[in-house]
Every structure is written in C-alpha cells, then in structure tokens.
Amino acid sequence: MRIVVDLNRCQGYAQCVYLAHEIFKLNGAEALTYEPNPDDARRLQVERAAAACPVQAIMIDRLDGAERGAPS
C-alpha cells in the first residue's frame, strides 16, 4: 500500500494523526509528515484516517492498480 497526501490541500486538522499515529505525525503546529509505504497490517487504520480527513487530502494506492481516496 502506498499513501499520498496532498499537502497543499491538507489544513492540519490532524484527524489522521489521531486515527493512525504510527503513520501520520504533526511536526509543529501544522506540518504533517507520514510514512508513504506503511505495512498492509495497518490498512484499516489508514483507510479510517483517509475517510476522516475533512478535506480529503489522503489518497491510498493499493499497488494493484486501483487507487482510493476518502469516500465522498
């Protein structure tokens, strides 16, 4: 699995950090960093984090050709 966060869209609400703190981290007030290739064992956490993003800045690529983002 691969994660891409649109850092131009991200507003620093940090909902992803609360739901998947092993993957997403805030440095300072609004600087988000993340692990772009987390272990598949964390898939559920990452999917919940993407769904919780209020600006839908998190995209998940399952590396099987299908790309997913936060649900509409």
Protein backbone atom coordinates (compact mmCIF):
# COMPACT_ATOMS: atom_id res chain seq x y z
CA MET A 1 0.00 0.00 0.00
CA ARG A 2 1.17 3.50 -0.79
CA ILE A 3 -0.14 6.74 0.70
CA VAL A 4 -0.01 10.15 -0.92
CA VAL A 5 -1.12 13.24 0.98
CA ASP A 6 -1.86 16.42 -0.94
CA LEU A 7 0.00 18.78 1.37
CA ASN A 8 -1.44 21.79 -0.46
CA ARG A 9 -4.92 20.61 0.44
CA CYS A 10 -4.09 19.46 3.99
CA GLN A 11 -5.20 22.02 6.58
CA GLY A 12 -3.60 20.40 9.63
CA TYR A 13 -6.82 19.18 11.28
CA ALA A 14 -4.83 16.09 12.32
CA GLN A 15 -7.72 13.63 12.27
CA CYS A 16 -5.36 11.20 10.55
CA VAL A 17 -2.85 11.56 13.38
CA TYR A 18 -5.46 10.55 15.96
CA LEU A 19 -6.55 7.51 13.97
CA ALA A 20 -3.16 6.28 12.69
CA HIS A 21 -0.46 7.88 14.82
CA GLU A 22 2.12 5.29 13.71
CA ILE A 23 1.72 6.51 10.12
CA PHE A 24 0.88 10.23 10.38
CA LYS A 25 2.65 12.77 12.59
CA LEU A 26 2.44 16.52 13.07
CA ASN A 27 5.71 18.40 13.36
CA GLY A 28 4.99 21.79 14.85
CA ALA A 29 1.54 23.27 14.55
CA GLU A 30 0.63 22.18 11.01
CA ALA A 31 3.50 20.33 9.30
CA LEU A 32 2.25 16.82 8.53
CA THR A 33 4.71 14.02 7.88
CA TYR A 34 3.77 10.45 7.07
CA GLU A 35 5.09 7.03 6.16
CA PRO A 36 4.36 6.71 2.42
CA ASN A 37 4.59 2.89 2.35
CA PRO A 38 3.07 1.53 5.56
CA ASP A 39 2.71 -2.16 6.24
CA ASP A 40 -0.52 -3.71 4.94
CA ALA A 41 -1.33 -4.72 8.52
CA ARG A 42 -2.15 -1.03 9.11
CA ARG A 43 -4.58 -0.84 6.16
CA LEU A 44 -7.70 -0.44 8.30
CA GLN A 45 -6.14 2.40 10.31
CA VAL A 46 -5.02 4.16 7.13
CA GLU A 47 -8.42 3.76 5.48
CA ARG A 48 -10.15 5.17 8.56
CA ALA A 49 -7.71 8.08 8.63
CA ALA A 50 -8.34 8.82 4.95
CA ALA A 51 -12.10 8.69 5.50
CA ALA A 52 -11.85 11.06 8.48
CA CYS A 53 -9.86 13.72 6.62
CA PRO A 54 -12.21 16.72 6.37
CA VAL A 55 -10.55 17.96 3.17
CA GLN A 56 -9.97 14.50 1.63
CA ALA A 57 -6.23 15.10 1.23
CA ILE A 58 -5.21 11.43 1.69
CA MET A 59 -5.06 9.06 -1.28
CA ILE A 60 -4.40 5.34 -0.89
CA ASP A 61 -2.90 3.34 -3.73
CA ARG A 62 -3.36 -0.37 -3.12
CA LEU A 63 -0.47 -1.13 -5.52
CA ASP A 64 -2.72 -3.43 -7.54
CA GLY A 65 -3.61 -0.67 -9.96
CA ALA A 66 -6.64 0.60 -8.02
CA GLU A 67 -6.44 3.95 -6.31
CA ARG A 68 -8.69 5.02 -3.45
CA GLY A 69 -9.25 8.20 -1.56
CA ALA A 70 -11.51 9.22 1.24
CA PRO A 71 -15.12 8.33 0.41
CA SER A 72 -17.33 11.15 -0.84
